[in-house]
Amino acid sequence: DPSVDGLQALQRRPLMQIAPMLDVSYEDFRQFMRILTRRSQIWTEMIVANSLLSSQKECRALSGFLDFAGHEHPIVCQLGGSDPSILAE
């Protein structure tokens, strides 16, 4: 029955999305959200692509931007910017 397969897929997929908030969606907040529910997908706050490139060019660690603990998954890292070539880098 195809409807059963669709229902099973919905049950596996995170139905609740915990969206980012500027200056709130740090690791501590994401960890707290994960304690509240395991059945959600957590989003980081938007990271500006230019910030990542600047840090990389200055040989600074990107871990401050892109370091996610195992318990935070599933997690979505949002990249923001208006130049597709910079986003692609």
PDB file of N, CA and C in Angstrom:
ATOM      1  N   ASP A   1       0.844  -1.186   0.000  1.00  0.00           N
ATOM      2  CA  ASP A   1       0.000   0.000   0.000  1.00  0.00           C
ATOM      3  C   ASP A   1       0.891   1.251   0.000  1.00  0.00           C
ATOM      4  N   PRO A   2       0.834   2.086  -1.051  1.00  0.00           N
ATOM      5  CA  PRO A   2       1.699   3.268  -1.150  1.00  0.00           C
ATOM      6  C   PRO A   2       1.488   4.274  -0.017  1.00  0.00           C
ATOM      7  N   SER A   3       0.270   4.381   0.508  1.00  0.00           N
ATOM      8  CA  SER A   3       0.025   5.357   1.574  1.00  0.00           C
ATOM      9  C   SER A   3       0.768   4.978   2.849  1.00  0.00           C
ATOM     10  N   VAL A   4       0.972   3.687   3.091  1.00  0.00           N
ATOM     11  CA  VAL A   4       1.718   3.240   4.268  1.00  0.00           C
ATOM     12  C   VAL A   4       3.178   3.644   4.126  1.00  0.00           C
ATOM     13  N   ASP A   5       3.756   3.472   2.926  1.00  0.00           N
ATOM     14  CA  ASP A   5       5.140   3.879   2.695  1.00  0.00           C
ATOM     15  C   ASP A   5       5.314   5.377   2.923  1.00  0.00           C
ATOM     16  N   GLY A   6       4.365   6.174   2.446  1.00  0.00           N
ATOM     17  CA  GLY A   6       4.423   7.616   2.648  1.00  0.00           C
ATOM     18  C   GLY A   6       4.338   7.988   4.117  1.00  0.00           C
ATOM     19  N   LEU A   7       3.487   7.301   4.854  1.00  0.00           N
ATOM     20  CA  LEU A   7       3.347   7.556   6.285  1.00  0.00           C
ATOM     21  C   LEU A   7       4.629   7.201   7.023  1.00  0.00           C
ATOM     22  N   GLN A   8       5.245   6.088   6.657  1.00  0.00           N
ATOM     23  CA  GLN A   8       6.500   5.690   7.297  1.00  0.00           C
ATOM     24  C   GLN A   8       7.597   6.715   7.017  1.00  0.00           C
ATOM     25  N   ALA A   9       7.637   7.242   5.808  1.00  0.00           N
ATOM     26  CA  ALA A   9       8.631   8.263   5.469  1.00  0.00           C
ATOM     27  C   ALA A   9       8.414   9.517   6.313  1.00  0.00           C
ATOM     28  N   LEU A  10       7.156   9.908   6.495  1.00  0.00           N
ATOM     29  CA  LEU A  10       6.858  11.079   7.320  1.00  0.00           C
ATOM     30  C   LEU A  10       7.273  10.866   8.764  1.00  0.00           C
ATOM     31  N   GLN A  11       7.111   9.664   9.262  1.00  0.00           N
ATOM     32  CA  GLN A  11       7.459   9.383  10.646  1.00  0.00           C
ATOM     33  C   GLN A  11       8.971   9.412  10.864  1.00  0.00           C
ATOM     34  N   ARG A  12       9.758   9.125   9.852  1.00  0.00           N
ATOM     35  CA  ARG A  12      11.220   9.160   9.971  1.00  0.00           C
ATOM     36  C   ARG A  12      11.769  10.571   9.820  1.00  0.00           C
ATOM     37  N   ARG A  13      11.086  11.379   9.071  1.00  0.00           N
ATOM     38  CA  ARG A  13      11.554  12.731   8.773  1.00  0.00           C
ATOM     39  C   ARG A  13      11.251  13.666   9.948  1.00  0.00           C
ATOM     40  N   PRO A  14      12.181  14.562  10.296  1.00  0.00           N
ATOM     41  CA  PRO A  14      11.886  15.525  11.356  1.00  0.00           C
ATOM     42  C   PRO A  14      10.738  16.434  10.934  1.00  0.00           C
ATOM     43  N   LEU A  15       9.675  16.442  11.713  1.00  0.00           N
ATOM     44  CA  LEU A  15       8.521  17.259  11.364  1.00  0.00           C
ATOM     45  C   LEU A  15       8.621  18.667  11.940  1.00  0.00           C
ATOM     46  N   MET A  16       9.375  18.820  13.002  1.00  0.00           N
ATOM     47  CA  MET A  16       9.519  20.138  13.600  1.00  0.00           C
ATOM     48  C   MET A  16      10.861  20.721  13.189  1.00  0.00           C
ATOM     49  N   GLN A  17      10.810  21.945  12.724  1.00  0.00           N
ATOM     50  CA  GLN A  17      12.015  22.668  12.338  1.00  0.00           C
ATOM     51  C   GLN A  17      12.252  23.761  13.375  1.00  0.00           C
ATOM     52  N   ILE A  18      13.418  23.771  13.988  1.00  0.00           N
ATOM     53  CA  ILE A  18      13.752  24.809  14.957  1.00  0.00           C
ATOM     54  C   ILE A  18      14.606  25.827  14.219  1.00  0.00           C
ATOM     55  N   ALA A  19      13.969  26.950  13.906  1.00  0.00           N
ATOM     56  CA  ALA A  19      14.577  27.949  13.034  1.00  0.00           C
ATOM     57  C   ALA A  19      15.540  28.854  13.794  1.00  0.00           C
ATOM     58  N   PRO A  20      16.473  29.432  13.062  1.00  0.00           N
ATOM     59  CA  PRO A  20      17.500  30.248  13.696  1.00  0.00           C
ATOM     60  C   PRO A  20      16.969  31.594  14.149  1.00  0.00           C
ATOM     61  N   MET A  21      17.637  32.104  15.135  1.00  0.00           N
ATOM     62  CA  MET A  21      17.387  33.462  15.602  1.00  0.00           C
ATOM     63  C   MET A  21      18.747  34.112  15.800  1.00  0.00           C
ATOM     64  N   LEU A  22      18.889  35.301  15.327  1.00  0.00           N
ATOM     65  CA  LEU A  22      20.158  36.013  15.433  1.00  0.00           C
ATOM     66  C   LEU A  22      20.568  36.147  16.891  1.00  0.00           C
ATOM     67  N   ASP A  23      21.803  35.815  17.164  1.00  0.00           N
ATOM     68  CA  ASP A  23      22.383  35.880  18.512  1.00  0.00           C
ATOM     69  C   ASP A  23      21.704  34.958  19.523  1.00  0.00           C
ATOM     70  N   VAL A  24      21.025  33.922  19.050  1.00  0.00           N
ATOM     71  CA  VAL A  24      20.393  32.954  19.952  1.00  0.00           C
ATOM     72  C   VAL A  24      20.795  31.529  19.597  1.00  0.00           C
ATOM     73  N   SER A  25      20.897  31.220  18.312  1.00  0.00           N
ATOM     74  CA  SER A  25      21.097  29.839  17.861  1.00  0.00           C
ATOM     75  C   SER A  25      22.546  29.374  17.967  1.00  0.00           C
ATOM     76  N   TYR A  26      23.134  29.573  19.128  1.00  0.00           N
ATOM     77  CA  TYR A  26      24.482  29.085  19.379  1.00  0.00           C
ATOM     78  C   TYR A  26      24.413  27.646  19.878  1.00  0.00           C
ATOM     79  N   GLU A  27      25.569  27.039  20.093  1.00  0.00           N
ATOM     80  CA  GLU A  27      25.619  25.628  20.472  1.00  0.00           C
ATOM     81  C   GLU A  27      24.810  25.335  21.736  1.00  0.00           C
ATOM     82  N   ASP A  28      24.884  26.194  22.741  1.00  0.00           N
ATOM     83  CA  ASP A  28      24.125  25.944  23.975  1.00  0.00           C
ATOM     84  C   ASP A  28      22.625  25.905  23.710  1.00  0.00           C
ATOM     85  N   PHE A  29      22.143  26.841  22.898  1.00  0.00           N
ATOM     86  CA  PHE A  29      20.721  26.870  22.562  1.00  0.00           C
ATOM     87  C   PHE A  29      20.336  25.628  21.775  1.00  0.00           C
ATOM     88  N   ARG A  30      21.170  25.249  20.798  1.00  0.00           N
ATOM     89  CA  ARG A  30      20.863  24.063  19.992  1.00  0.00           C
ATOM     90  C   ARG A  30      20.868  22.811  20.856  1.00  0.00           C
ATOM     91  N   GLN A  31      21.787  22.741  21.810  1.00  0.00           N
ATOM     92  CA  GLN A  31      21.825  21.587  22.714  1.00  0.00           C
ATOM     93  C   GLN A  31      20.555  21.537  23.564  1.00  0.00           C
ATOM     94  N   PHE A  32      20.109  22.678  24.051  1.00  0.00           N
ATOM     95  CA  PHE A  32      18.876  22.734  24.836  1.00  0.00           C
ATOM     96  C   PHE A  32      17.684  22.284  23.997  1.00  0.00           C
ATOM     97  N   MET A  33      17.609  22.735  22.750  1.00  0.00           N
ATOM     98  CA  MET A  33      16.516  22.317  21.865  1.00  0.00           C
ATOM     99  C   MET A  33      16.559  20.812  21.624  1.00  0.00           C
ATOM    100  N   ARG A  34      17.751  20.275  21.497  1.00  0.00           N
ATOM    101  CA  ARG A  34      17.882  18.834  21.273  1.00  0.00           C
ATOM    102  C   ARG A  34      17.435  18.054  22.510  1.00  0.00           C
ATOM    103  N   ILE A  35      17.673  18.594  23.703  1.00  0.00           N
ATOM    104  CA  ILE A  35      17.193  17.947  24.927  1.00  0.00           C
ATOM    105  C   ILE A  35      15.669  17.934  24.944  1.00  0.00           C
ATOM    106  N   LEU A  36      15.057  19.025  24.487  1.00  0.00           N
ATOM    107  CA  LEU A  36      13.596  19.103  24.474  1.00  0.00           C
ATOM    108  C   LEU A  36      12.977  18.124  23.493  1.00  0.00           C
ATOM    109  N   THR A  37      13.617  17.939  22.351  1.00  0.00           N
ATOM    110  CA  THR A  37      13.069  17.020  21.350  1.00  0.00           C
ATOM    111  C   THR A  37      14.181  16.463  20.471  1.00  0.00           C
ATOM    112  N   ARG A  38      14.145  15.165  20.258  1.00  0.00           N
ATOM    113  CA  ARG A  38      15.082  14.506  19.340  1.00  0.00           C
ATOM    114  C   ARG A  38      14.494  14.482  17.931  1.00  0.00           C
ATOM    115  N   ARG A  39      13.187  14.710  17.817  1.00  0.00           N
ATOM    116  CA  ARG A  39      12.512  14.598  16.525  1.00  0.00           C
ATOM    117  C   ARG A  39      12.357  15.962  15.861  1.00  0.00           C
ATOM    118  N   SER A  40      13.436  16.669  15.778  1.00  0.00           N
ATOM    119  CA  SER A  40      13.402  17.973  15.128  1.00  0.00           C
ATOM    120  C   SER A  40      14.678  18.151  14.321  1.00  0.00           C
ATOM    121  N   GLN A  41      14.608  19.075  13.418  1.00  0.00           N
ATOM    122  CA  GLN A  41      15.798  19.446  12.658  1.00  0.00           C
ATOM    123  C   GLN A  41      16.172  20.851  13.095  1.00  0.00           C
ATOM    124  N   ILE A  42      17.395  21.032  13.514  1.00  0.00           N
ATOM    125  CA  ILE A  42      17.852  22.317  14.030  1.00  0.00           C
ATOM    126  C   ILE A  42      18.592  23.061  12.919  1.00  0.00           C
ATOM    127  N   TRP A  43      18.371  24.356  12.864  1.00  0.00           N
ATOM    128  CA  TRP A  43      19.037  25.214  11.889  1.00  0.00           C
ATOM    129  C   TRP A  43      19.979  26.153  12.622  1.00  0.00           C
ATOM    130  N   THR A  44      21.136  26.389  12.042  1.00  0.00           N
ATOM    131  CA  THR A  44      22.030  27.402  12.597  1.00  0.00           C
ATOM    132  C   THR A  44      21.492  28.771  12.200  1.00  0.00           C
ATOM    133  N   GLU A  45      21.976  29.801  12.867  1.00  0.00           N
ATOM    134  CA  GLU A  45      21.659  31.120  12.349  1.00  0.00           C
ATOM    135  C   GLU A  45      22.446  31.293  11.052  1.00  0.00           C
ATOM    136  N   MET A  46      22.050  32.232  10.227  1.00  0.00           N
ATOM    137  CA  MET A  46      22.696  32.384   8.931  1.00  0.00           C
ATOM    138  C   MET A  46      24.149  32.829   9.099  1.00  0.00           C
ATOM    139  N   ILE A  47      25.025  32.158   8.383  1.00  0.00           N
ATOM    140  CA  ILE A  47      26.448  32.493   8.366  1.00  0.00           C
ATOM    141  C   ILE A  47      26.728  33.155   7.022  1.00  0.00           C
ATOM    142  N   VAL A  48      27.272  34.347   7.057  1.00  0.00           N
ATOM    143  CA  VAL A  48      27.548  35.085   5.829  1.00  0.00           C
ATOM    144  C   VAL A  48      28.788  34.485   5.169  1.00  0.00           C
ATOM    145  N   ALA A  49      28.653  34.128   3.903  1.00  0.00           N
ATOM    146  CA  ALA A  49      29.740  33.467   3.174  1.00  0.00           C
ATOM    147  C   ALA A  49      31.019  34.301   3.185  1.00  0.00           C
ATOM    148  N   ASN A  50      30.888  35.615   3.099  1.00  0.00           N
ATOM    149  CA  ASN A  50      32.080  36.480   3.127  1.00  0.00           C
ATOM    150  C   ASN A  50      32.848  36.328   4.432  1.00  0.00           C
ATOM    151  N   SER A  51      32.145  36.105   5.537  1.00  0.00           N
ATOM    152  CA  SER A  51      32.815  35.910   6.831  1.00  0.00           C
ATOM    153  C   SER A  51      33.658  34.643   6.816  1.00  0.00           C
ATOM    154  N   LEU A  52      33.120  33.588   6.222  1.00  0.00           N
ATOM    155  CA  LEU A  52      33.874  32.336   6.126  1.00  0.00           C
ATOM    156  C   LEU A  52      35.125  32.516   5.282  1.00  0.00           C
ATOM    157  N   LEU A  53      34.979  33.177   4.134  1.00  0.00           N
ATOM    158  CA  LEU A  53      36.133  33.380   3.251  1.00  0.00           C
ATOM    159  C   LEU A  53      37.190  34.265   3.902  1.00  0.00           C
ATOM    160  N   SER A  54      36.764  35.321   4.584  1.00  0.00           N
ATOM    161  CA  SER A  54      37.724  36.203   5.264  1.00  0.00           C
ATOM    162  C   SER A  54      38.492  35.441   6.328  1.00  0.00           C
ATOM    163  N   SER A  55      37.784  34.643   7.109  1.00  0.00           N
ATOM    164  CA  SER A  55      38.443  33.849   8.156  1.00  0.00           C
ATOM    165  C   SER A  55      39.433  32.871   7.554  1.00  0.00           C
ATOM    166  N   GLN A  56      39.037  32.255   6.455  1.00  0.00           N
ATOM    167  CA  GLN A  56      39.904  31.276   5.801  1.00  0.00           C
ATOM    168  C   GLN A  56      41.159  31.955   5.250  1.00  0.00           C
ATOM    169  N   LYS A  57      41.005  33.119   4.643  1.00  0.00           N
ATOM    170  CA  LYS A  57      42.155  33.842   4.088  1.00  0.00           C
ATOM    171  C   LYS A  57      43.108  34.308   5.178  1.00  0.00           C
ATOM    172  N   GLU A  58      42.572  34.592   6.363  1.00  0.00           N
ATOM    173  CA  GLU A  58      43.401  35.022   7.491  1.00  0.00           C
ATOM    174  C   GLU A  58      43.899  33.833   8.304  1.00  0.00           C
ATOM    175  N   CYS A  59      43.686  32.638   7.773  1.00  0.00           N
ATOM    176  CA  CYS A  59      44.121  31.387   8.409  1.00  0.00           C
ATOM    177  C   CYS A  59      43.528  31.201   9.810  1.00  0.00           C
ATOM    178  N   ARG A  60      42.334  31.728  10.012  1.00  0.00           N
ATOM    179  CA  ARG A  60      41.644  31.504  11.285  1.00  0.00           C
ATOM    180  C   ARG A  60      40.786  30.256  11.158  1.00  0.00           C
ATOM    181  N   ALA A  61      40.614  29.588  12.260  1.00  0.00           N
ATOM    182  CA  ALA A  61      39.832  28.346  12.257  1.00  0.00           C
ATOM    183  C   ALA A  61      38.376  28.637  11.909  1.00  0.00           C
ATOM    184  N   LEU A  62      37.815  27.775  11.091  1.00  0.00           N
ATOM    185  CA  LEU A  62      36.404  27.901  10.737  1.00  0.00           C
ATOM    186  C   LEU A  62      35.508  27.182  11.741  1.00  0.00           C
ATOM    187  N   SER A  63      36.119  26.546  12.724  1.00  0.00           N
ATOM    188  CA  SER A  63      35.334  25.758  13.674  1.00  0.00           C
ATOM    189  C   SER A  63      34.333  26.616  14.441  1.00  0.00           C
ATOM    190  N   GLY A  64      34.632  27.887  14.629  1.00  0.00           N
ATOM    191  CA  GLY A  64      33.676  28.762  15.302  1.00  0.00           C
ATOM    192  C   GLY A  64      32.381  28.912  14.530  1.00  0.00           C
ATOM    193  N   PHE A  65      32.469  28.752  13.216  1.00  0.00           N
ATOM    194  CA  PHE A  65      31.292  28.848  12.363  1.00  0.00           C
ATOM    195  C   PHE A  65      30.669  27.482  12.092  1.00  0.00           C
ATOM    196  N   LEU A  66      31.514  26.478  11.914  1.00  0.00           N
ATOM    197  CA  LEU A  66      31.051  25.204  11.352  1.00  0.00           C
ATOM    198  C   LEU A  66      31.277  24.001  12.255  1.00  0.00           C
ATOM    199  N   ASP A  67      31.420  24.202  13.525  1.00  0.00           N
ATOM    200  CA  ASP A  67      31.686  23.097  14.441  1.00  0.00           C
ATOM    201  C   ASP A  67      30.379  22.665  15.104  1.00  0.00           C
ATOM    202  N   PHE A  68      29.890  21.493  14.728  1.00  0.00           N
ATOM    203  CA  PHE A  68      28.634  20.989  15.263  1.00  0.00           C
ATOM    204  C   PHE A  68      28.892  19.681  15.980  1.00  0.00           C
ATOM    205  N   ALA A  69      28.337  19.549  17.161  1.00  0.00           N
ATOM    206  CA  ALA A  69      28.496  18.322  17.937  1.00  0.00           C
ATOM    207  C   ALA A  69      27.584  17.232  17.379  1.00  0.00           C
ATOM    208  N   GLY A  70      27.947  15.989  17.622  1.00  0.00           N
ATOM    209  CA  GLY A  70      27.175  14.862  17.113  1.00  0.00           C
ATOM    210  C   GLY A  70      25.727  14.865  17.560  1.00  0.00           C
ATOM    211  N   HIS A  71      25.469  15.322  18.792  1.00  0.00           N
ATOM    212  CA  HIS A  71      24.095  15.306  19.300  1.00  0.00           C
ATOM    213  C   HIS A  71      23.209  16.377  18.655  1.00  0.00           C
ATOM    214  N   GLU A  72      23.794  17.290  17.890  1.00  0.00           N
ATOM    215  CA  GLU A  72      23.000  18.345  17.252  1.00  0.00           C
ATOM    216  C   GLU A  72      22.333  17.884  15.959  1.00  0.00           C
ATOM    217  N   HIS A  73      22.732  16.782  15.428  1.00  0.00           N
ATOM    218  CA  HIS A  73      22.207  16.311  14.145  1.00  0.00           C
ATOM    219  C   HIS A  73      20.826  15.708  14.312  1.00  0.00           C
ATOM    220  N   PRO A  74      19.918  15.862  13.358  1.00  0.00           N
ATOM    221  CA  PRO A  74      20.131  16.530  12.075  1.00  0.00           C
ATOM    222  C   PRO A  74      20.157  18.047  12.245  1.00  0.00           C
ATOM    223  N   ILE A  75      21.096  18.665  11.528  1.00  0.00           N
ATOM    224  CA  ILE A  75      21.282  20.117  11.609  1.00  0.00           C
ATOM    225  C   ILE A  75      21.478  20.664  10.202  1.00  0.00           C
ATOM    226  N   VAL A  76      21.001  21.876   9.987  1.00  0.00           N
ATOM    227  CA  VAL A  76      21.157  22.556   8.709  1.00  0.00           C
ATOM    228  C   VAL A  76      21.998  23.796   8.953  1.00  0.00           C
ATOM    229  N   CYS A  77      23.058  23.938   8.195  1.00  0.00           N
ATOM    230  CA  CYS A  77      23.910  25.124   8.281  1.00  0.00           C
ATOM    231  C   CYS A  77      23.501  26.063   7.147  1.00  0.00           C
ATOM    232  N   GLN A  78      23.030  27.243   7.509  1.00  0.00           N
ATOM    233  CA  GLN A  78      22.590  28.206   6.504  1.00  0.00           C
ATOM    234  C   GLN A  78      23.746  29.107   6.097  1.00  0.00           C
ATOM    235  N   LEU A  79      23.957  29.218   4.804  1.00  0.00           N
ATOM    236  CA  LEU A  79      24.950  30.153   4.273  1.00  0.00           C
ATOM    237  C   LEU A  79      24.210  31.275   3.575  1.00  0.00           C
ATOM    238  N   GLY A  80      24.622  32.498   3.834  1.00  0.00           N
ATOM    239  CA  GLY A  80      23.969  33.640   3.216  1.00  0.00           C
ATOM    240  C   GLY A  80      24.944  34.447   2.388  1.00  0.00           C
ATOM    241  N   GLY A  81      24.414  35.083   1.379  1.00  0.00           N
ATOM    242  CA  GLY A  81      25.219  35.935   0.522  1.00  0.00           C
ATOM    243  C   GLY A  81      24.483  36.217  -0.765  1.00  0.00           C
ATOM    244  N   SER A  82      24.972  37.189  -1.509  1.00  0.00           N
ATOM    245  CA  SER A  82      24.309  37.558  -2.757  1.00  0.00           C
ATOM    246  C   SER A  82      25.130  37.197  -3.989  1.00  0.00           C
ATOM    247  N   ASP A  83      26.360  36.738  -3.793  1.00  0.00           N
ATOM    248  CA  ASP A  83      27.237  36.391  -4.911  1.00  0.00           C
ATOM    249  C   ASP A  83      27.367  34.871  -4.995  1.00  0.00           C
ATOM    250  N   PRO A  84      26.770  34.256  -6.019  1.00  0.00           N
ATOM    251  CA  PRO A  84      26.811  32.798  -6.133  1.00  0.00           C
ATOM    252  C   PRO A  84      28.225  32.224  -6.180  1.00  0.00           C
ATOM    253  N   SER A  85      29.176  32.953  -6.750  1.00  0.00           N
ATOM    254  CA  SER A  85      30.542  32.417  -6.829  1.00  0.00           C
ATOM    255  C   SER A  85      31.182  32.352  -5.437  1.00  0.00           C
ATOM    256  N   ILE A  86      30.897  33.324  -4.586  1.00  0.00           N
ATOM    257  CA  ILE A  86      31.418  33.292  -3.217  1.00  0.00           C
ATOM    258  C   ILE A  86      30.749  32.170  -2.431  1.00  0.00           C
ATOM    259  N   LEU A  87      29.450  32.009  -2.604  1.00  0.00           N
ATOM    260  CA  LEU A  87      28.745  30.914  -1.929  1.00  0.00           C
ATOM    261  C   LEU A  87      29.290  29.560  -2.366  1.00  0.00           C
ATOM    262  N   ALA A  88      29.651  29.443  -3.635  1.00  0.00           N
ATOM    263  CA  ALA A  88      30.180  28.178  -4.147  1.00  0.00           C
ATOM    264  C   ALA A  88      31.545  27.849  -3.547  1.00  0.00           C
ATOM    265  N   GLU A  89      32.348  28.880  -3.253  1.00  0.00           N
ATOM    266  CA  GLU A  89      33.668  28.641  -2.656  1.00  0.00           C
ATOM    267  C   GLU A  89      33.507  28.010  -1.303  1.00  0.00           C
TER     268      GLU A  89
END
